[in-house]
């Protein structure tokens, strides 16, 4: 089932530790459903990653989990970035859509 979305009415918020609203989320790939319902809040508590949920009509229709990362400068010389050390980056750990909104 595909559902049309009015994107100007989609909101986003950081996932609450109590996992409020995650019970109805179902992704086509079960591992993403499980991550949101079981592991995402613990990753936030442990400061491994931060999960943001996209909400439409009071229903979670997708989520993204991001984490701090870095790239080794000497492995990315083509970027031509001055300075020392590593290059700061954001890692997309998980990105999923509710199966009704794919």
PDB file of N, CA and C in Angstrom:
ATOM      1  N   UNK A   1       0.837  -1.175   0.000  1.00  0.00           N
ATOM      2  CA  UNK A   1       0.000   0.000   0.000  1.00  0.00           C
ATOM      3  C   UNK A   1       0.885   1.241   0.000  1.00  0.00           C
ATOM      4  N   UNK A   2       0.644   2.137  -0.911  1.00  0.00           N
ATOM      5  CA  UNK A   2       1.388   3.389  -0.970  1.00  0.00           C
ATOM      6  C   UNK A   2       0.451   4.527  -0.586  1.00  0.00           C
ATOM      7  N   UNK A   3       0.939   5.423   0.250  1.00  0.00           N
ATOM      8  CA  UNK A   3       0.124   6.528   0.731  1.00  0.00           C
ATOM      9  C   UNK A   3       0.747   7.841   0.293  1.00  0.00           C
ATOM     10  N   UNK A   4      -0.066   8.734  -0.283  1.00  0.00           N
ATOM     11  CA  UNK A   4       0.431  10.049  -0.680  1.00  0.00           C
ATOM     12  C   UNK A   4       0.674  10.892   0.558  1.00  0.00           C
ATOM     13  N   UNK A   5       1.740  11.671   0.511  1.00  0.00           N
ATOM     14  CA  UNK A   5       2.136  12.505   1.644  1.00  0.00           C
ATOM     15  C   UNK A   5       2.220  13.947   1.188  1.00  0.00           C
ATOM     16  N   UNK A   6       1.675  14.839   1.991  1.00  0.00           N
ATOM     17  CA  UNK A   6       1.861  16.272   1.760  1.00  0.00           C
ATOM     18  C   UNK A   6       3.135  16.647   2.524  1.00  0.00           C
ATOM     19  N   UNK A   7       4.238  16.754   1.802  1.00  0.00           N
ATOM     20  CA  UNK A   7       5.535  16.912   2.447  1.00  0.00           C
ATOM     21  C   UNK A   7       5.649  18.178   3.281  1.00  0.00           C
ATOM     22  N   UNK A   8       4.889  19.195   2.952  1.00  0.00           N
ATOM     23  CA  UNK A   8       4.934  20.415   3.769  1.00  0.00           C
ATOM     24  C   UNK A   8       4.290  20.206   5.137  1.00  0.00           C
ATOM     25  N   UNK A   9       3.664  19.066   5.341  1.00  0.00           N
ATOM     26  CA  UNK A   9       3.049  18.754   6.633  1.00  0.00           C
ATOM     27  C   UNK A   9       3.810  17.673   7.403  1.00  0.00           C
ATOM     28  N   UNK A  10       4.969  17.289   6.889  1.00  0.00           N
ATOM     29  CA  UNK A  10       5.797  16.311   7.586  1.00  0.00           C
ATOM     30  C   UNK A  10       6.675  17.052   8.587  1.00  0.00           C
ATOM     31  N   UNK A  11       6.626  16.602   9.825  1.00  0.00           N
ATOM     32  CA  UNK A  11       7.459  17.183  10.866  1.00  0.00           C
ATOM     33  C   UNK A  11       8.562  16.219  11.243  1.00  0.00           C
ATOM     34  N   UNK A  12       9.464  16.682  12.053  1.00  0.00           N
ATOM     35  CA  UNK A  12      10.529  15.801  12.535  1.00  0.00           C
ATOM     36  C   UNK A  12      10.848  16.176  13.973  1.00  0.00           C
ATOM     37  N   UNK A  13      11.337  15.187  14.692  1.00  0.00           N
ATOM     38  CA  UNK A  13      11.741  15.410  16.082  1.00  0.00           C
ATOM     39  C   UNK A  13      12.730  14.325  16.473  1.00  0.00           C
ATOM     40  N   UNK A  14      13.494  14.628  17.481  1.00  0.00           N
ATOM     41  CA  UNK A  14      14.420  13.639  18.013  1.00  0.00           C
ATOM     42  C   UNK A  14      13.604  12.540  18.693  1.00  0.00           C
ATOM     43  N   UNK A  15      14.014  11.308  18.502  1.00  0.00           N
ATOM     44  CA  UNK A  15      13.320  10.186  19.116  1.00  0.00           C
ATOM     45  C   UNK A  15      13.353  10.328  20.624  1.00  0.00           C
ATOM     46  N   UNK A  16      12.206  10.164  21.245  1.00  0.00           N
ATOM     47  CA  UNK A  16      12.141  10.214  22.702  1.00  0.00           C
ATOM     48  C   UNK A  16      12.613   8.883  23.265  1.00  0.00           C
ATOM     49  N   UNK A  17      13.292   8.943  24.383  1.00  0.00           N
ATOM     50  CA  UNK A  17      13.844   7.734  25.001  1.00  0.00           C
ATOM     51  C   UNK A  17      12.744   6.720  25.330  1.00  0.00           C
ATOM     52  N   UNK A  18      11.529   7.201  25.588  1.00  0.00           N
ATOM     53  CA  UNK A  18      10.450   6.268  25.928  1.00  0.00           C
ATOM     54  C   UNK A  18       9.864   5.568  24.697  1.00  0.00           C
ATOM     55  N   UNK A  19      10.415   5.850  23.502  1.00  0.00           N
ATOM     56  CA  UNK A  19      10.001   5.217  22.248  1.00  0.00           C
ATOM     57  C   UNK A  19       8.539   5.481  21.901  1.00  0.00           C
ATOM     58  N   UNK A  20       8.003   6.569  22.378  1.00  0.00           N
ATOM     59  CA  UNK A  20       6.613   6.924  22.116  1.00  0.00           C
ATOM     60  C   UNK A  20       6.332   6.968  20.608  1.00  0.00           C
ATOM     61  N   UNK A  21       5.345   6.210  20.171  1.00  0.00           N
ATOM     62  CA  UNK A  21       4.915   6.222  18.778  1.00  0.00           C
ATOM     63  C   UNK A  21       5.595   5.208  17.880  1.00  0.00           C
ATOM     64  N   UNK A  22       6.527   4.434  18.408  1.00  0.00           N
ATOM     65  CA  UNK A  22       7.243   3.487  17.548  1.00  0.00           C
ATOM     66  C   UNK A  22       6.493   2.183  17.325  1.00  0.00           C
ATOM     67  N   UNK A  23       5.492   1.892  18.135  1.00  0.00           N
ATOM     68  CA  UNK A  23       4.784   0.609  18.018  1.00  0.00           C
ATOM     69  C   UNK A  23       4.168   0.388  16.650  1.00  0.00           C
ATOM     70  N   UNK A  24       3.709   1.453  16.000  1.00  0.00           N
ATOM     71  CA  UNK A  24       3.045   1.312  14.705  1.00  0.00           C
ATOM     72  C   UNK A  24       4.003   1.334  13.521  1.00  0.00           C
ATOM     73  N   UNK A  25       5.298   1.554  13.779  1.00  0.00           N
ATOM     74  CA  UNK A  25       6.249   1.643  12.674  1.00  0.00           C
ATOM     75  C   UNK A  25       6.596   0.250  12.174  1.00  0.00           C
ATOM     76  N   UNK A  26       6.477   0.076  10.848  1.00  0.00           N
ATOM     77  CA  UNK A  26       6.832  -1.187  10.218  1.00  0.00           C
ATOM     78  C   UNK A  26       7.510  -0.879   8.891  1.00  0.00           C
ATOM     79  N   UNK A  27       8.766  -1.288   8.795  1.00  0.00           N
ATOM     80  CA  UNK A  27       9.545  -1.112   7.576  1.00  0.00           C
ATOM     81  C   UNK A  27       9.513  -2.419   6.788  1.00  0.00           C
ATOM     82  N   UNK A  28       9.698  -2.349   5.498  1.00  0.00           N
ATOM     83  CA  UNK A  28       9.763  -3.566   4.678  1.00  0.00           C
ATOM     84  C   UNK A  28      10.919  -4.459   5.107  1.00  0.00           C
ATOM     85  N   UNK A  29      11.966  -3.847   5.640  1.00  0.00           N
ATOM     86  CA  UNK A  29      13.104  -4.607   6.141  1.00  0.00           C
ATOM     87  C   UNK A  29      13.003  -4.666   7.663  1.00  0.00           C
ATOM     88  N   UNK A  30      12.708  -5.843   8.169  1.00  0.00           N
ATOM     89  CA  UNK A  30      12.435  -6.040   9.591  1.00  0.00           C
ATOM     90  C   UNK A  30      13.565  -5.542  10.487  1.00  0.00           C
ATOM     91  N   UNK A  31      14.818  -5.613  10.015  1.00  0.00           N
ATOM     92  CA  UNK A  31      15.932  -5.178  10.863  1.00  0.00           C
ATOM     93  C   UNK A  31      15.829  -3.697  11.203  1.00  0.00           C
ATOM     94  N   UNK A  32      15.250  -2.880  10.330  1.00  0.00           N
ATOM     95  CA  UNK A  32      15.085  -1.458  10.626  1.00  0.00           C
ATOM     96  C   UNK A  32      13.950  -1.228  11.621  1.00  0.00           C
ATOM     97  N   UNK A  33      12.885  -2.008  11.491  1.00  0.00           N
ATOM     98  CA  UNK A  33      11.794  -1.936  12.468  1.00  0.00           C
ATOM     99  C   UNK A  33      12.321  -2.295  13.848  1.00  0.00           C
ATOM    100  N   UNK A  34      13.076  -3.372  13.927  1.00  0.00           N
ATOM    101  CA  UNK A  34      13.643  -3.809  15.199  1.00  0.00           C
ATOM    102  C   UNK A  34      14.596  -2.760  15.763  1.00  0.00           C
ATOM    103  N   UNK A  35      15.427  -2.172  14.910  1.00  0.00           N
ATOM    104  CA  UNK A  35      16.368  -1.160  15.394  1.00  0.00           C
ATOM    105  C   UNK A  35      15.612  -0.011  16.060  1.00  0.00           C
ATOM    106  N   UNK A  36      14.595   0.512  15.394  1.00  0.00           N
ATOM    107  CA  UNK A  36      13.859   1.647  15.948  1.00  0.00           C
ATOM    108  C   UNK A  36      13.180   1.288  17.266  1.00  0.00           C
ATOM    109  N   UNK A  37      12.574   0.122  17.330  1.00  0.00           N
ATOM    110  CA  UNK A  37      11.796  -0.260  18.507  1.00  0.00           C
ATOM    111  C   UNK A  37      12.653  -0.768  19.670  1.00  0.00           C
ATOM    112  N   UNK A  38      13.834  -1.319  19.377  1.00  0.00           N
ATOM    113  CA  UNK A  38      14.614  -1.978  20.414  1.00  0.00           C
ATOM    114  C   UNK A  38      15.937  -1.269  20.726  1.00  0.00           C
ATOM    115  N   UNK A  39      16.642  -0.826  19.707  1.00  0.00           N
ATOM    116  CA  UNK A  39      18.021  -0.377  19.909  1.00  0.00           C
ATOM    117  C   UNK A  39      18.241   1.136  19.854  1.00  0.00           C
ATOM    118  N   UNK A  40      17.394   1.870  19.166  1.00  0.00           N
ATOM    119  CA  UNK A  40      17.644   3.294  18.928  1.00  0.00           C
ATOM    120  C   UNK A  40      17.756   4.102  20.214  1.00  0.00           C
ATOM    121  N   UNK A  41      16.858   3.877  21.146  1.00  0.00           N
ATOM    122  CA  UNK A  41      16.908   4.672  22.386  1.00  0.00           C
ATOM    123  C   UNK A  41      18.169   4.359  23.185  1.00  0.00           C
ATOM    124  N   UNK A  42      18.590   3.103  23.206  1.00  0.00           N
ATOM    125  CA  UNK A  42      19.819   2.755  23.916  1.00  0.00           C
ATOM    126  C   UNK A  42      21.036   3.406  23.256  1.00  0.00           C
ATOM    127  N   UNK A  43      21.060   3.451  21.928  1.00  0.00           N
ATOM    128  CA  UNK A  43      22.155   4.121  21.232  1.00  0.00           C
ATOM    129  C   UNK A  43      22.207   5.604  21.592  1.00  0.00           C
ATOM    130  N   UNK A  44      21.050   6.214  21.810  1.00  0.00           N
ATOM    131  CA  UNK A  44      21.026   7.622  22.223  1.00  0.00           C
ATOM    132  C   UNK A  44      21.559   7.775  23.643  1.00  0.00           C
ATOM    133  N   UNK A  45      21.140   6.896  24.521  1.00  0.00           N
ATOM    134  CA  UNK A  45      21.613   6.950  25.911  1.00  0.00           C
ATOM    135  C   UNK A  45      23.124   6.772  25.945  1.00  0.00           C
ATOM    136  N   UNK A  46      23.638   5.843  25.152  1.00  0.00           N
ATOM    137  CA  UNK A  46      25.072   5.559  25.109  1.00  0.00           C
ATOM    138  C   UNK A  46      25.840   6.567  24.248  1.00  0.00           C
ATOM    139  N   UNK A  47      25.123   7.493  23.640  1.00  0.00           N
ATOM    140  CA  UNK A  47      25.678   8.526  22.758  1.00  0.00           C
ATOM    141  C   UNK A  47      26.439   7.926  21.571  1.00  0.00           C
ATOM    142  N   UNK A  48      25.896   6.835  21.065  1.00  0.00           N
ATOM    143  CA  UNK A  48      26.453   6.192  19.874  1.00  0.00           C
ATOM    144  C   UNK A  48      25.877   6.846  18.621  1.00  0.00           C
ATOM    145  N   UNK A  49      24.599   7.156  18.665  1.00  0.00           N
ATOM    146  CA  UNK A  49      23.919   7.784  17.536  1.00  0.00           C
ATOM    147  C   UNK A  49      22.663   8.482  18.004  1.00  0.00           C
ATOM    148  N   UNK A  50      22.199   9.415  17.201  1.00  0.00           N
ATOM    149  CA  UNK A  50      20.966  10.141  17.494  1.00  0.00           C
ATOM    150  C   UNK A  50      19.954   9.812  16.408  1.00  0.00           C
ATOM    151  N   UNK A  51      18.755   9.446  16.821  1.00  0.00           N
ATOM    152  CA  UNK A  51      17.710   9.099  15.867  1.00  0.00           C
ATOM    153  C   UNK A  51      16.675  10.214  15.810  1.00  0.00           C
ATOM    154  N   UNK A  52      16.352  10.591  14.595  1.00  0.00           N
ATOM    155  CA  UNK A  52      15.322  11.596  14.336  1.00  0.00           C
ATOM    156  C   UNK A  52      14.210  10.904  13.574  1.00  0.00           C
ATOM    157  N   UNK A  53      12.964  11.136  13.997  1.00  0.00           N
ATOM    158  CA  UNK A  53      11.820  10.516  13.332  1.00  0.00           C
ATOM    159  C   UNK A  53      11.076  11.568  12.525  1.00  0.00           C
ATOM    160  N   UNK A  54      10.516  11.129  11.405  1.00  0.00           N
ATOM    161  CA  UNK A  54       9.690  11.977  10.565  1.00  0.00           C
ATOM    162  C   UNK A  54       8.242  11.599  10.836  1.00  0.00           C
ATOM    163  N   UNK A  55       7.432  12.602  11.130  1.00  0.00           N
ATOM    164  CA  UNK A  55       6.059  12.359  11.575  1.00  0.00           C
ATOM    165  C   UNK A  55       5.080  13.019  10.602  1.00  0.00           C
ATOM    166  N   UNK A  56       4.064  12.256  10.226  1.00  0.00           N
ATOM    167  CA  UNK A  56       3.004  12.756   9.351  1.00  0.00           C
ATOM    168  C   UNK A  56       1.670  12.296   9.934  1.00  0.00           C
ATOM    169  N   UNK A  57       0.801  13.233  10.159  1.00  0.00           N
ATOM    170  CA  UNK A  57      -0.513  12.938  10.755  1.00  0.00           C
ATOM    171  C   UNK A  57      -0.348  12.105  12.027  1.00  0.00           C
ATOM    172  N   UNK A  58       0.575  12.519  12.876  1.00  0.00           N
ATOM    173  CA  UNK A  58       0.847  11.911  14.180  1.00  0.00           C
ATOM    174  C   UNK A  58       1.338  10.464  14.099  1.00  0.00           C
ATOM    175  N   UNK A  59       1.877  10.077  12.954  1.00  0.00           N
ATOM    176  CA  UNK A  59       2.387   8.722  12.757  1.00  0.00           C
ATOM    177  C   UNK A  59       3.837   8.811  12.286  1.00  0.00           C
ATOM    178  N   UNK A  60       4.715   7.983  12.854  1.00  0.00           N
ATOM    179  CA  UNK A  60       6.100   7.944  12.406  1.00  0.00           C
ATOM    180  C   UNK A  60       6.138   7.265  11.041  1.00  0.00           C
ATOM    181  N   UNK A  61       6.615   8.014  10.038  1.00  0.00           N
ATOM    182  CA  UNK A  61       6.665   7.468   8.681  1.00  0.00           C
ATOM    183  C   UNK A  61       8.095   7.174   8.226  1.00  0.00           C
ATOM    184  N   UNK A  62       9.059   7.534   9.038  1.00  0.00           N
ATOM    185  CA  UNK A  62      10.443   7.252   8.689  1.00  0.00           C
ATOM    186  C   UNK A  62      11.373   7.719   9.784  1.00  0.00           C
ATOM    187  N   UNK A  63      12.626   7.331   9.677  1.00  0.00           N
ATOM    188  CA  UNK A  63      13.615   7.793  10.648  1.00  0.00           C
ATOM    189  C   UNK A  63      15.008   7.762  10.048  1.00  0.00           C
ATOM    190  N   UNK A  64      15.885   8.517  10.661  1.00  0.00           N
ATOM    191  CA  UNK A  64      17.301   8.521  10.314  1.00  0.00           C
ATOM    192  C   UNK A  64      18.098   8.513  11.606  1.00  0.00           C
ATOM    193  N   UNK A  65      19.143   7.727  11.637  1.00  0.00           N
ATOM    194  CA  UNK A  65      20.061   7.715  12.772  1.00  0.00           C
ATOM    195  C   UNK A  65      21.407   8.218  12.266  1.00  0.00           C
ATOM    196  N   UNK A  66      21.917   9.240  12.933  1.00  0.00           N
ATOM    197  CA  UNK A  66      23.207   9.804  12.540  1.00  0.00           C
ATOM    198  C   UNK A  66      24.195   9.690  13.698  1.00  0.00           C
ATOM    199  N   UNK A  67      25.456   9.630  13.362  1.00  0.00           N
ATOM    200  CA  UNK A  67      26.512   9.536  14.363  1.00  0.00           C
ATOM    201  C   UNK A  67      27.711  10.347  13.886  1.00  0.00           C
ATOM    202  N   UNK A  68      28.483  10.815  14.840  1.00  0.00           N
ATOM    203  CA  UNK A  68      29.712  11.514  14.497  1.00  0.00           C
ATOM    204  C   UNK A  68      30.706  10.499  13.945  1.00  0.00           C
ATOM    205  N   UNK A  69      31.475  10.942  12.978  1.00  0.00           N
ATOM    206  CA  UNK A  69      32.482  10.080  12.366  1.00  0.00           C
ATOM    207  C   UNK A  69      33.643  10.961  11.900  1.00  0.00           C
ATOM    208  N   UNK A  70      34.598  10.349  11.294  1.00  0.00           N
ATOM    209  CA  UNK A  70      35.692  11.098  10.678  1.00  0.00           C
ATOM    210  C   UNK A  70      36.279  10.282   9.536  1.00  0.00           C
ATOM    211  N   UNK A  71      36.915  11.002   8.643  1.00  0.00           N
ATOM    212  CA  UNK A  71      37.631  10.367   7.545  1.00  0.00           C
ATOM    213  C   UNK A  71      39.111  10.665   7.745  1.00  0.00           C
ATOM    214  N   UNK A  72      39.934   9.701   7.484  1.00  0.00           N
ATOM    215  CA  UNK A  72      41.370   9.922   7.602  1.00  0.00           C
ATOM    216  C   UNK A  72      41.820  10.796   6.436  1.00  0.00           C
ATOM    217  N   UNK A  73      42.415  11.917   6.785  1.00  0.00           N
ATOM    218  CA  UNK A  73      42.797  12.886   5.764  1.00  0.00           C
ATOM    219  C   UNK A  73      43.702  12.282   4.700  1.00  0.00           C
ATOM    220  N   UNK A  74      44.651  11.456   5.098  1.00  0.00           N
ATOM    221  CA  UNK A  74      45.594  10.913   4.133  1.00  0.00           C
ATOM    222  C   UNK A  74      44.950   9.919   3.163  1.00  0.00           C
ATOM    223  N   UNK A  75      43.747   9.457   3.475  1.00  0.00           N
ATOM    224  CA  UNK A  75      43.029   8.553   2.573  1.00  0.00           C
ATOM    225  C   UNK A  75      42.115   9.311   1.619  1.00  0.00           C
ATOM    226  N   UNK A  76      42.020  10.639   1.801  1.00  0.00           N
ATOM    227  CA  UNK A  76      41.114  11.452   0.977  1.00  0.00           C
ATOM    228  C   UNK A  76      41.832  12.708   0.483  1.00  0.00           C
ATOM    229  N   UNK A  77      43.024  12.534  -0.044  1.00  0.00           N
ATOM    230  CA  UNK A  77      43.807  13.664  -0.522  1.00  0.00           C
ATOM    231  C   UNK A  77      43.102  14.419  -1.645  1.00  0.00           C
ATOM    232  N   UNK A  78      42.202  13.750  -2.369  1.00  0.00           N
ATOM    233  CA  UNK A  78      41.486  14.390  -3.463  1.00  0.00           C
ATOM    234  C   UNK A  78      40.554  15.507  -2.976  1.00  0.00           C
ATOM    235  N   UNK A  79      40.243  15.540  -1.679  1.00  0.00           N
ATOM    236  CA  UNK A  79      39.380  16.601  -1.145  1.00  0.00           C
ATOM    237  C   UNK A  79      40.119  17.920  -0.988  1.00  0.00           C
ATOM    238  N   UNK A  80      41.437  17.889  -0.981  1.00  0.00           N
ATOM    239  CA  UNK A  80      42.285  19.069  -0.895  1.00  0.00           C
ATOM    240  C   UNK A  80      41.904  19.969   0.278  1.00  0.00           C
ATOM    241  N   UNK A  81      41.838  19.386   1.447  1.00  0.00           N
ATOM    242  CA  UNK A  81      41.495  20.122   2.663  1.00  0.00           C
ATOM    243  C   UNK A  81      42.768  20.400   3.440  1.00  0.00           C
ATOM    244  N   UNK A  82      42.966  21.687   3.787  1.00  0.00           N
ATOM    245  CA  UNK A  82      44.135  22.066   4.579  1.00  0.00           C
ATOM    246  C   UNK A  82      43.915  21.702   6.045  1.00  0.00           C
ATOM    247  N   UNK A  83      44.998  21.632   6.780  1.00  0.00           N
ATOM    248  CA  UNK A  83      44.910  21.351   8.205  1.00  0.00           C
ATOM    249  C   UNK A  83      45.487  19.992   8.532  1.00  0.00           C
ATOM    250  N   UNK A  84      45.399  19.669   9.795  1.00  0.00           N
ATOM    251  CA  UNK A  84      45.988  18.422  10.283  1.00  0.00           C
ATOM    252  C   UNK A  84      44.904  17.480  10.755  1.00  0.00           C
ATOM    253  N   UNK A  85      45.251  16.231  10.915  1.00  0.00           N
ATOM    254  CA  UNK A  85      44.350  15.268  11.532  1.00  0.00           C
ATOM    255  C   UNK A  85      43.283  14.744  10.600  1.00  0.00           C
ATOM    256  N   UNK A  86      42.163  14.431  11.193  1.00  0.00           N
ATOM    257  CA  UNK A  86      41.060  13.819  10.465  1.00  0.00           C
ATOM    258  C   UNK A  86      40.050  14.865  10.001  1.00  0.00           C
ATOM    259  N   UNK A  87      39.198  14.461   9.085  1.00  0.00           N
ATOM    260  CA  UNK A  87      38.145  15.312   8.557  1.00  0.00           C
ATOM    261  C   UNK A  87      36.847  14.939   9.269  1.00  0.00           C
ATOM    262  N   UNK A  88      36.205  15.886   9.978  1.00  0.00           N
ATOM    263  CA  UNK A  88      34.946  15.568  10.643  1.00  0.00           C
ATOM    264  C   UNK A  88      33.871  15.174   9.621  1.00  0.00           C
ATOM    265  N   UNK A  89      33.008  14.258  10.020  1.00  0.00           N
ATOM    266  CA  UNK A  89      31.952  13.793   9.123  1.00  0.00           C
ATOM    267  C   UNK A  89      30.751  13.322   9.942  1.00  0.00           C
ATOM    268  N   UNK A  90      29.623  13.193   9.282  1.00  0.00           N
ATOM    269  CA  UNK A  90      28.438  12.575   9.869  1.00  0.00           C
ATOM    270  C   UNK A  90      28.203  11.253   9.159  1.00  0.00           C
ATOM    271  N   UNK A  91      27.882  10.252   9.924  1.00  0.00           N
ATOM    272  CA  UNK A  91      27.602   8.927   9.395  1.00  0.00           C
ATOM    273  C   UNK A  91      26.098   8.681   9.475  1.00  0.00           C
ATOM    274  N   UNK A  92      25.510   8.279   8.370  1.00  0.00           N
ATOM    275  CA  UNK A  92      24.111   7.847   8.405  1.00  0.00           C
ATOM    276  C   UNK A  92      24.132   6.373   8.768  1.00  0.00           C
ATOM    277  N   UNK A  93      23.723   6.084  10.001  1.00  0.00           N
ATOM    278  CA  UNK A  93      23.753   4.714  10.483  1.00  0.00           C
ATOM    279  C   UNK A  93      22.553   3.908  10.023  1.00  0.00           C
ATOM    280  N   UNK A  94      21.386   4.517  10.059  1.00  0.00           N
ATOM    281  CA  UNK A  94      20.151   3.864   9.629  1.00  0.00           C
ATOM    282  C   UNK A  94      19.270   4.911   8.950  1.00  0.00           C
ATOM    283  N   UNK A  95      18.575   4.487   7.931  1.00  0.00           N
ATOM    284  CA  UNK A  95      17.645   5.345   7.211  1.00  0.00           C
ATOM    285  C   UNK A  95      16.521   4.447   6.735  1.00  0.00           C
ATOM    286  N   UNK A  96      15.304   4.709   7.200  1.00  0.00           N
ATOM    287  CA  UNK A  96      14.211   3.809   6.877  1.00  0.00           C
ATOM    288  C   UNK A  96      12.900   4.561   6.716  1.00  0.00           C
ATOM    289  N   UNK A  97      12.008   3.956   5.963  1.00  0.00           N
ATOM    290  CA  UNK A  97      10.675   4.498   5.713  1.00  0.00           C
ATOM    291  C   UNK A  97       9.639   3.460   6.108  1.00  0.00           C
ATOM    292  N   UNK A  98       8.536   3.917   6.676  1.00  0.00           N
ATOM    293  CA  UNK A  98       7.418   3.021   6.965  1.00  0.00           C
ATOM    294  C   UNK A  98       6.965   2.392   5.649  1.00  0.00           C
ATOM    295  N   UNK A  99       6.680   1.119   5.666  1.00  0.00           N
ATOM    296  CA  UNK A  99       6.350   0.419   4.410  1.00  0.00           C
ATOM    297  C   UNK A  99       5.131   1.000   3.698  1.00  0.00           C
ATOM    298  N   UNK A 100       4.214   1.630   4.417  1.00  0.00           N
ATOM    299  CA  UNK A 100       3.043   2.237   3.774  1.00  0.00           C
ATOM    300  C   UNK A 100       3.373   3.534   3.064  1.00  0.00           C
ATOM    301  N   UNK A 101       4.595   4.062   3.276  1.00  0.00           N
ATOM    302  CA  UNK A 101       4.963   5.359   2.705  1.00  0.00           C
ATOM    303  C   UNK A 101       6.154   5.273   1.775  1.00  0.00           C
ATOM    304  N   UNK A 102       6.560   4.069   1.406  1.00  0.00           N
ATOM    305  CA  UNK A 102       7.701   3.915   0.499  1.00  0.00           C
ATOM    306  C   UNK A 102       7.377   4.490  -0.848  1.00  0.00           C
TER     307      UNK A 102
END
